[in-house]
């Protein structure tokens, strides 16, 4: 199913050396994060009226933690890019 969306590609060795690959990975992560939040918002809007109060609470938690995860990933990407641009030598491999 993921092949329908062009995600049948694999990253060899987990190491991206060229700057273009890092930029593409940065863009892909941001796009995926925003896409997931968008589809979750559509899903929530479609089903919210059909759910019990308990189910609404669970869906609310899924939305909350999805946004927290997205914020964390975007913050990490931002920190990584800042460190690379300022020349700081933090070890991002640990």
Protein backbone atom coordinates (compact mmCIF):
# COMPACT_ATOMS: atom_id res chain seq x y z
CA UNK A 1 0.00 0.00 0.00
CA UNK A 2 2.81 2.42 0.79
CA UNK A 3 4.17 1.97 -2.71
CA UNK A 4 1.09 3.80 -3.99
CA UNK A 5 2.44 6.91 -2.28
CA UNK A 6 6.08 6.43 -3.36
CA UNK A 7 7.41 5.15 -0.04
CA UNK A 8 8.95 1.91 -1.23
CA UNK A 9 12.42 3.47 -1.08
CA UNK A 10 14.88 2.42 1.61
CA UNK A 11 17.77 4.38 3.06
CA UNK A 12 20.88 2.20 2.75
CA UNK A 13 23.00 1.88 5.89
CA UNK A 14 21.10 4.59 7.76
CA UNK A 15 23.78 7.15 6.89
CA UNK A 16 23.10 10.04 4.55
CA UNK A 17 26.32 11.82 3.62
CA UNK A 18 25.53 14.32 0.85
CA UNK A 19 23.86 17.58 1.87
CA UNK A 20 21.14 17.05 -0.74
CA UNK A 21 20.11 13.79 0.91
CA UNK A 22 19.94 15.50 4.30
CA UNK A 23 17.81 18.30 2.87
CA UNK A 24 15.52 15.78 1.21
CA UNK A 25 15.21 13.76 4.42
CA UNK A 26 14.43 16.96 6.36
CA UNK A 27 11.72 17.83 3.84
CA UNK A 28 10.30 14.29 3.85
CA UNK A 29 10.08 14.16 7.64
CA UNK A 30 8.31 17.52 7.77
CA UNK A 31 5.93 16.50 4.98
CA UNK A 32 5.09 13.19 6.62
CA UNK A 33 4.52 14.84 9.99
CA UNK A 34 2.19 17.46 8.52
CA UNK A 35 0.44 14.85 6.37
CA UNK A 36 -0.28 12.59 9.34
CA UNK A 37 -1.67 15.49 11.35
CA UNK A 38 -3.81 16.55 8.40
CA UNK A 39 -5.28 13.10 7.85
CA UNK A 40 -5.86 12.72 11.58
CA UNK A 41 -7.77 16.02 11.58
CA UNK A 42 -9.93 14.86 8.66
CA UNK A 43 -10.57 11.51 10.36
CA UNK A 44 -11.45 13.23 13.64
CA UNK A 45 -13.88 15.58 11.90
CA UNK A 46 -15.55 12.68 10.07
CA UNK A 47 -16.06 10.34 13.04
CA UNK A 48 -16.31 12.58 16.08
CA UNK A 49 -20.11 12.83 15.96
CA UNK A 50 -20.43 9.04 15.82
CA UNK A 51 -18.28 8.27 18.87
CA UNK A 52 -19.12 7.62 22.50
CA UNK A 53 -17.71 10.00 25.11
CA UNK A 54 -15.02 7.46 26.00
CA UNK A 55 -14.02 7.09 22.34
CA UNK A 56 -13.94 10.88 21.93
CA UNK A 57 -11.58 11.11 24.89
CA UNK A 58 -9.29 8.46 23.38
CA UNK A 59 -9.30 10.23 20.01
CA UNK A 60 -8.53 13.50 21.78
CA UNK A 61 -5.50 11.85 23.38
CA UNK A 62 -4.34 10.49 20.01
CA UNK A 63 -4.57 14.01 18.58
CA UNK A 64 -2.73 15.52 21.56
CA UNK A 65 0.15 13.04 21.47
CA UNK A 66 0.37 13.21 17.67
CA UNK A 67 0.90 16.97 17.90
CA UNK A 68 3.44 16.53 20.70
CA UNK A 69 5.38 13.99 18.63
CA UNK A 70 5.27 16.24 15.57
CA UNK A 71 6.49 19.21 17.63
CA UNK A 72 9.33 17.13 19.07
CA UNK A 73 10.46 15.86 15.67
CA UNK A 74 10.37 19.35 14.18
CA UNK A 75 12.25 20.76 17.17
CA UNK A 76 14.94 18.08 16.80
CA UNK A 77 15.27 18.84 13.09
CA UNK A 78 15.58 22.54 13.84
CA UNK A 79 18.22 21.92 16.52
CA UNK A 80 20.14 19.60 14.19
CA UNK A 81 20.09 22.20 11.40
CA UNK A 82 21.17 25.00 13.77
CA UNK A 83 24.07 22.92 15.07
CA UNK A 84 25.19 22.07 11.54
CA UNK A 85 24.93 25.71 10.42
CA UNK A 86 26.86 27.07 13.42
CA UNK A 87 29.50 24.35 13.19
CA UNK A 88 28.81 22.90 16.62
CA UNK A 89 30.12 19.38 16.83
CA UNK A 90 27.36 17.63 18.77
CA UNK A 91 27.28 13.86 18.43
CA UNK A 92 23.91 13.14 16.80
CA UNK A 93 24.72 9.45 16.49
CA UNK A 94 24.21 8.63 20.17
